[in-house]
C-alpha atoms as a PDB file:
ATOM      1  CA  MET A   1      -0.022   0.092   0.025  1.00  0.00           C
ATOM      2  CA  LEU A   2       2.807   2.271   0.709  1.00  0.00           C
ATOM      3  CA  LYS A   3       4.068   1.741  -2.771  1.00  0.00           C
ATOM      4  CA  LYS A   4       0.661   2.738  -4.242  1.00  0.00           C
ATOM      5  CA  ILE A   5       0.713   5.989  -2.191  1.00  0.00           C
ATOM      6  CA  ALA A   6       4.347   6.661  -3.202  1.00  0.00           C
ATOM      7  CA  THR A   7       3.316   6.179  -6.984  1.00  0.00           C
ATOM      8  CA  ALA A   8       0.254   8.490  -6.471  1.00  0.00           C
ATOM      9  CA  ALA A   9       2.305  11.102  -4.821  1.00  0.00           C
ATOM     10  CA  VAL A  10       4.975  10.987  -7.770  1.00  0.00           C
ATOM     11  CA  HIS A  11       2.145  11.208 -10.312  1.00  0.00           C
ATOM     12  CA  LEU A  12       0.602  14.097  -8.411  1.00  0.00           C
ATOM     13  CA  LEU A  13       3.927  15.802  -8.141  1.00  0.00           C
ATOM     14  CA  PHE A  14       4.573  15.427 -11.986  1.00  0.00           C
ATOM     15  CA  PHE A  15       0.962  16.518 -12.760  1.00  0.00           C
ATOM     16  CA  ALA A  16       1.360  19.764 -10.552  1.00  0.00           C
ATOM     17  CA  GLY A  17       4.775  20.377 -12.582  1.00  0.00           C
ATOM     18  CA  VAL A  18       2.954  20.115 -15.813  1.00  0.00           C
ATOM     19  CA  VAL A  19       0.218  22.513 -14.678  1.00  0.00           C
ATOM     20  CA  ALA A  20       2.933  25.038 -13.438  1.00  0.00           C
ATOM     21  CA  ILE A  21       4.771  24.873 -16.746  1.00  0.00           C
ATOM     22  CA  ALA A  22       1.583  25.291 -18.609  1.00  0.00           C
ATOM     23  CA  ALA A  23       0.525  28.282 -16.539  1.00  0.00           C
ATOM     24  CA  TYR A  24       3.884  29.939 -16.862  1.00  0.00           C
ATOM     25  CA  TRP A  25       3.960  29.675 -20.664  1.00  0.00           C
ATOM     26  CA  SER A  26       0.242  30.691 -20.970  1.00  0.00           C
ATOM     27  CA  VAL A  27       0.976  33.829 -18.918  1.00  0.00           C
ATOM     28  CA  ARG A  28       3.976  34.539 -20.936  1.00  0.00           C
ATOM     29  CA  ILE A  29       2.271  34.022 -24.378  1.00  0.00           C
ATOM     30  CA  PHE A  30      -1.122  35.746 -23.635  1.00  0.00           C
ATOM     31  CA  THR A  31       0.310  38.860 -21.749  1.00  0.00           C
ATOM     32  CA  PRO A  32       0.742  41.851 -23.948  1.00  0.00           C
ATOM     33  CA  VAL A  33       4.039  43.259 -24.543  1.00  0.00           C
ATOM     34  CA  PRO A  34       4.932  46.037 -22.008  1.00  0.00           C
ATOM     35  CA  THR A  35       5.324  49.519 -23.835  1.00  0.00           C
ATOM     36  CA  ALA A  36       7.739  52.169 -22.977  1.00  0.00           C
ATOM     37  CA  ALA A  37       6.168  54.912 -20.916  1.00  0.00           C
ATOM     38  CA  PRO A  38       5.384  58.058 -22.693  1.00  0.00           C
ATOM     39  CA  PRO A  39       7.834  60.944 -22.164  1.00  0.00           C
ATOM     40  CA  PRO A  40       6.908  63.470 -19.485  1.00  0.00           C
ATOM     41  CA  LEU A  41       5.074  66.527 -20.578  1.00  0.00           C
ATOM     42  CA  LEU A  42       7.149  69.673 -20.670  1.00  0.00           C
ATOM     43  CA  PRO A  43       6.155  72.335 -18.151  1.00  0.00           C
ATOM     44  CA  PRO A  44       4.374  75.330 -19.730  1.00  0.00           C
ATOM     45  CA  PRO A  45       6.661  78.240 -20.367  1.00  0.00           C
ATOM     46  CA  LEU A  46       7.046  80.859 -17.861  1.00  0.00           C
ATOM     47  CA  ARG A  47       5.170  84.232 -18.654  1.00  0.00           C
ATOM     48  CA  ASP A  48       5.096  87.543 -16.847  1.00  0.00           C
ATOM     49  CA  PRO A  49       2.321  87.664 -14.325  1.00  0.00           C
ATOM     50  CA  ASP A  50      -0.808  89.613 -15.370  1.00  0.00           C
ATOM     51  CA  ALA A  51      -0.796  92.896 -13.246  1.00  0.00           C
ATOM     52  CA  ALA A  52      -4.512  93.054 -13.288  1.00  0.00           C
ATOM     53  CA  ALA A  53      -5.021  89.579 -11.955  1.00  0.00           C
ATOM     54  CA  ALA A  54      -2.380  90.004  -9.310  1.00  0.00           C
ATOM     55  CA  ALA A  55      -4.124  93.169  -8.201  1.00  0.00           C
ATOM     56  CA  ARG A  56      -7.411  91.470  -7.916  1.00  0.00           C
ATOM     57  CA  MET A  57      -5.903  88.506  -6.054  1.00  0.00           C
ATOM     58  CA  PHE A  58      -4.879  90.821  -3.226  1.00  0.00           C
ATOM     59  CA  GLY A  59      -8.144  92.761  -3.114  1.00  0.00           C
ATOM     60  CA  LYS A  60      -7.685  95.573  -5.520  1.00  0.00           C
ATOM     61  CA  VAL A  61     -10.844  95.986  -7.613  1.00  0.00           C
ATOM     62  CA  GLU A  62     -10.173  98.803 -10.020  1.00  0.00           C
ATOM     63  CA  ALA A  63      -9.216  97.963 -13.619  1.00  0.00           C
ATOM     64  CA  ALA A  64      -5.536  98.068 -14.408  1.00  0.00           C
ATOM     65  CA  PRO A  65      -4.517 100.665 -17.000  1.00  0.00           C
ATOM     66  CA  THR A  66      -4.497  99.362 -20.617  1.00  0.00           C
ATOM     67  CA  ALA A  67      -1.835 100.450 -23.122  1.00  0.00           C
ATOM     68  CA  VAL A  68      -3.465 102.254 -26.016  1.00  0.00           C
ATOM     69  CA  ALA A  69      -1.670 102.674 -29.491  1.00  0.00           C
ATOM     70  CA  THR A  70      -0.850 106.137 -30.075  1.00  0.00           C
ATOM     71  CA  ASN A  71       0.894 105.817 -33.496  1.00  0.00           C
ATOM     72  CA  VAL A  72      -2.189 105.507 -35.743  1.00  0.00           C
ATOM     73  CA  GLN A  73      -2.096 106.974 -39.231  1.00  0.00           C
ATOM     74  CA  ALA A  74      -5.119 107.171 -41.549  1.00  0.00           C
ATOM     75  CA  VAL A  75      -4.303 106.226 -45.123  1.00  0.00           C
ATOM     76  CA  GLY A  76      -7.870 106.498 -46.459  1.00  0.00           C
ATOM     77  CA  ALA A  77     -11.508 106.144 -45.701  1.00  0.00           C
ATOM     78  CA  PHE A  78     -14.813 105.205 -47.267  1.00  0.00           C
ATOM     79  CA  ALA A  79     -17.763 106.888 -45.600  1.00  0.00           C
ATOM     80  CA  ALA A  80     -21.106 105.019 -46.085  1.00  0.00           C
ATOM     81  CA  GLY A  81     -23.067 105.315 -42.962  1.00  0.00           C
ATOM     82  CA  LYS A  82     -22.937 102.092 -40.859  1.00  0.00           C
ATOM     83  CA  SER A  83     -20.784 100.488 -43.592  1.00  0.00           C
ATOM     84  CA  SER A  84     -18.093 102.969 -43.320  1.00  0.00           C
ATOM     85  CA  SER A  85     -14.417 101.806 -43.212  1.00  0.00           C
ATOM     86  CA  ALA A  86     -11.016 103.302 -42.810  1.00  0.00           C
ATOM     87  CA  ILE A  87      -7.480 102.248 -43.827  1.00  0.00           C
ATOM     88  CA  LEU A  88      -5.234 102.646 -40.949  1.00  0.00           C
ATOM     89  CA  ALA A  89      -1.616 101.899 -40.292  1.00  0.00           C
ATOM     90  CA  VAL A  90      -1.078 101.068 -36.365  1.00  0.00           C
ATOM     91  CA  ASP A  91       2.275 101.252 -34.754  1.00  0.00           C
ATOM     92  CA  GLY A  92       4.243 100.891 -38.047  1.00  0.00           C
ATOM     93  CA  ARG A  93       2.379  97.813 -39.107  1.00  0.00           C
ATOM     94  CA  PRO A  94       1.144  97.486 -42.759  1.00  0.00           C
ATOM     95  CA  ALA A  95      -2.080  99.322 -43.297  1.00  0.00           C
ATOM     96  CA  ARG A  96      -5.265  97.369 -43.001  1.00  0.00           C
ATOM     97  CA  VAL A  97      -8.944  98.064 -43.449  1.00  0.00           C
ATOM     98  CA  PHE A  98     -11.193  98.562 -40.353  1.00  0.00           C
ATOM     99  CA  LEU A  99     -14.999  98.729 -40.148  1.00  0.00           C
ATOM    100  CA  VAL A 100     -16.651 101.172 -37.881  1.00  0.00           C
ATOM    101  CA  GLY A 101     -17.114  99.595 -34.427  1.00  0.00           C
ATOM    102  CA  GLN A 102     -14.015  97.247 -35.055  1.00  0.00           C
ATOM    103  CA  GLU A 103     -11.350  97.066 -32.592  1.00  0.00           C
ATOM    104  CA  VAL A 104      -8.081  98.667 -34.254  1.00  0.00           C
ATOM    105  CA  ALA A 105      -5.808  98.023 -31.260  1.00  0.00           C
ATOM    106  CA  PRO A 106      -6.248  96.630 -27.695  1.00  0.00           C
ATOM    107  CA  GLY A 107      -8.533  99.227 -26.109  1.00  0.00           C
ATOM    108  CA  LEU A 108      -8.882 101.372 -29.253  1.00  0.00           C
ATOM    109  CA  ARG A 109     -11.999 101.208 -31.379  1.00  0.00           C
ATOM    110  CA  LEU A 110     -12.918 102.862 -34.737  1.00  0.00           C
ATOM    111  CA  ALA A 111     -15.918 105.029 -33.740  1.00  0.00           C
ATOM    112  CA  ALA A 112     -16.747 107.190 -36.792  1.00  0.00           C
ATOM    113  CA  ILE A 113     -15.546 108.652 -40.075  1.00  0.00           C
ATOM    114  CA  GLU A 114     -16.034 112.294 -40.955  1.00  0.00           C
ATOM    115  CA  ALA A 115     -15.117 114.377 -43.785  1.00  0.00           C
ATOM    116  CA  ASP A 116     -11.486 114.878 -42.937  1.00  0.00           C
ATOM    117  CA  VAL A 117     -10.850 112.708 -39.802  1.00  0.00           C
ATOM    118  CA  VAL A 118     -11.238 109.389 -38.396  1.00  0.00           C
ATOM    119  CA  VAL A 119     -12.563 109.153 -34.876  1.00  0.00           C
ATOM    120  CA  LEU A 120     -11.248 106.551 -32.442  1.00  0.00           C
ATOM    121  CA  ASP A 121     -12.637 105.623 -29.011  1.00  0.00           C
ATOM    122  CA  SER A 122     -10.262 104.728 -26.231  1.00  0.00           C
ATOM    123  CA  PRO A 123     -10.650 104.507 -22.412  1.00  0.00           C
ATOM    124  CA  GLY A 124      -8.887 107.831 -22.059  1.00  0.00           C
ATOM    125  CA  GLY A 125     -11.462 109.625 -24.521  1.00  0.00           C
ATOM    126  CA  ARG A 126     -11.917 110.253 -28.278  1.00  0.00           C
ATOM    127  CA  GLN A 127      -8.937 110.557 -30.598  1.00  0.00           C
ATOM    128  CA  GLU A 128      -9.032 112.102 -34.075  1.00  0.00           C
ATOM    129  CA  VAL A 129      -6.728 111.208 -36.788  1.00  0.00           C
ATOM    130  CA  ARG A 130      -6.508 113.442 -39.849  1.00  0.00           C
ATOM    131  CA  LEU A 131      -7.059 111.806 -43.305  1.00  0.00           C
ATOM    132  CA  PRO A 132      -4.446 112.779 -46.009  1.00  0.00           C
ATOM    133  CA  PRO A 133      -5.356 115.612 -48.261  1.00  0.00           C
ATOM    134  CA  ARG A 134      -7.354 114.673 -51.300  1.00  0.00           C
ATOM    135  CA  PRO A 135      -5.534 115.111 -54.717  1.00  0.00           C
ATOM    136  CA  ALA A 136      -6.759 118.022 -56.759  1.00  0.00           C
ATOM    137  CA  VAL A 137      -8.825 116.942 -59.823  1.00  0.00           C
ATOM    138  CA  ALA A 138      -8.328 119.066 -62.978  1.00  0.00           C
ATOM    139  CA  ILE A 139     -11.674 119.848 -64.705  1.00  0.00           C
ATOM    140  CA  SER A 140     -10.285 121.341 -67.897  1.00  0.00           C
ATOM    141  CA  GLY A 141      -7.597 119.489 -69.228  1.00  0.00           C
ATOM    142  CA  GLY A 142      -4.515 120.409 -70.984  1.00  0.00           C
ATOM    143  CA  ALA A 143      -2.963 118.467 -73.779  1.00  0.00           C
ATOM    144  CA  PRO A 144      -3.880 114.695 -73.706  1.00  0.00           C
ATOM    145  CA  ALA A 145      -1.321 112.109 -72.837  1.00  0.00           C
ATOM    146  CA  PRO A 146       0.699 110.738 -75.737  1.00  0.00           C
ATOM    147  CA  ASN A 147      -1.104 108.567 -78.098  1.00  0.00           C
ATOM    148  CA  PHE A 148      -4.494 109.775 -76.943  1.00  0.00           C
ATOM    149  CA  THR A 149      -6.517 111.780 -79.514  1.00  0.00           C
ATOM    150  CA  ARG A 150      -9.103 114.498 -78.793  1.00  0.00           C
ATOM    151  CA  ASP A 151     -11.991 115.178 -81.216  1.00  0.00           C
ATOM    152  CA  GLY A 152     -14.069 117.939 -79.773  1.00  0.00           C
ATOM    153  CA  ASN A 153     -15.317 116.721 -76.325  1.00  0.00           C
ATOM    154  CA  THR A 154     -14.305 113.195 -76.966  1.00  0.00           C
ATOM    155  CA  LEU A 155     -11.042 111.824 -75.812  1.00  0.00           C
ATOM    156  CA  SER A 156     -10.092 108.347 -77.558  1.00  0.00           C
ATOM    157  CA  ALA A 157      -7.511 105.949 -76.090  1.00  0.00           C
ATOM    158  CA  PRO A 158      -4.977 104.454 -78.364  1.00  0.00           C
ATOM    159  CA  THR A 159      -5.963 101.309 -80.139  1.00  0.00           C
ATOM    160  CA  SER A 160      -4.089  98.094 -79.460  1.00  0.00           C
ATOM    161  CA  THR A 161      -2.980  96.820 -82.931  1.00  0.00           C
ATOM    162  CA  GLY A 162       0.346  95.605 -82.004  1.00  0.00           C
ATOM    163  CA  ALA A 163       1.980  98.733 -83.183  1.00  0.00           C
ATOM    164  CA  PRO A 164       4.731 100.100 -81.045  1.00  0.00           C
ATOM    165  CA  ALA A 165       3.595 102.844 -78.598  1.00  0.00           C
ATOM    166  CA  VAL A 166       6.365 105.069 -79.804  1.00  0.00           C
ATOM    167  CA  ALA A 167       6.290 106.194 -83.445  1.00  0.00           C
ATOM    168  CA  PRO A 168       9.309 104.825 -85.275  1.00  0.00           C
ATOM    169  CA  ARG A 169      11.988 107.201 -86.353  1.00  0.00           C
ATOM    170  CA  ALA A 170      12.390 108.015 -90.022  1.00  0.00           C
ATOM    171  CA  ALA A 171      15.504 106.538 -91.516  1.00  0.00           C
ATOM    172  CA  PRO A 172      18.149 109.236 -92.446  1.00  0.00           C
ATOM    173  CA  PRO A 173      18.251 110.298 -96.046  1.00  0.00           C
ATOM    174  CA  PRO A 174      20.876 108.546 -98.096  1.00  0.00           C
ATOM    175  CA  ALA A 175      24.147 110.400 -98.466  1.00  0.00           C
ATOM    176  CA  ALA A 176      24.857 111.811-101.805  1.00  0.00           C
ATOM    177  CA  PRO A 177      26.922 109.656-104.031  1.00  0.00           C
ATOM    178  CA  SER A 178      30.406 110.635-103.975  1.00  0.00           C
ATOM    179  CA  PRO A 179      31.923 111.836-107.302  1.00  0.00           C
ATOM    180  CA  PRO A 180      34.019 109.370-109.348  1.00  0.00           C
ATOM    181  CA  PRO A 181      37.764 109.803-108.742  1.00  0.00           C
ATOM    182  CA  GLN A 182      39.503 112.313-111.060  1.00  0.00           C
ATOM    183  CA  ALA A 183      42.776 111.693-112.793  1.00  0.00           C
ATOM    184  CA  PRO A 184      45.683 113.966-111.875  1.00  0.00           C
ATOM    185  CA  PRO A 185      46.201 116.934-113.903  1.00  0.00           C
ATOM    186  CA  GLY A 186      48.393 116.520-117.032  1.00  0.00           C
ATOM    187  CA  THR A 187      47.310 113.097-117.863  1.00  0.00           C
ATOM    188  CA  ALA A 188      44.824 112.356-120.509  1.00  0.00           C
ATOM    189  CA  PRO A 189      41.867 109.915-119.962  1.00  0.00           C
ATOM    190  CA  GLN A 190      42.246 106.640-121.717  1.00  0.00           C
ATOM    191  CA  THR A 191      39.541 105.461-124.092  1.00  0.00           C
ATOM    192  CA  GLN A 192      39.216 102.139-125.469  1.00  0.00           C
END
């Protein structure tokens, strides 16, 4: 009987070993491959603290002063009531078109367009920017531009026929033929 118990114990031991090996390899096969951890996120860049937010944090309620652009140049304007617009160059940047009511710069808004000025609203009050002078328009004209023709009150543009815009110059007249060479005096001309 002891022999039967010893044989059963050996079989049980081998069976436990096979189960352990099968469990090890099934865990090895069916477990997903570990991936590398993603790189840590970079901290946000440091910025200057907002003066208004810092003032409010310590109990100051009044609004912080805003910087208003003072270098505004008017290039031109189109006055059409509520659809008016102005061409403005702000702080040396290229000129842009702004509609009435649109913000030109932080704290500066286009309020109105009048005959010779553009009116801007800012927290400090209204600011007027003069428009450039209008070019003078000649009503009675002098001589028309080259290649234009005038017939009474009608001015006609040149036709595009492929001809050059500048009239071709006349060829210089041919030079007079030079006289035939003369024989020196004292010799008679030979005849044949």
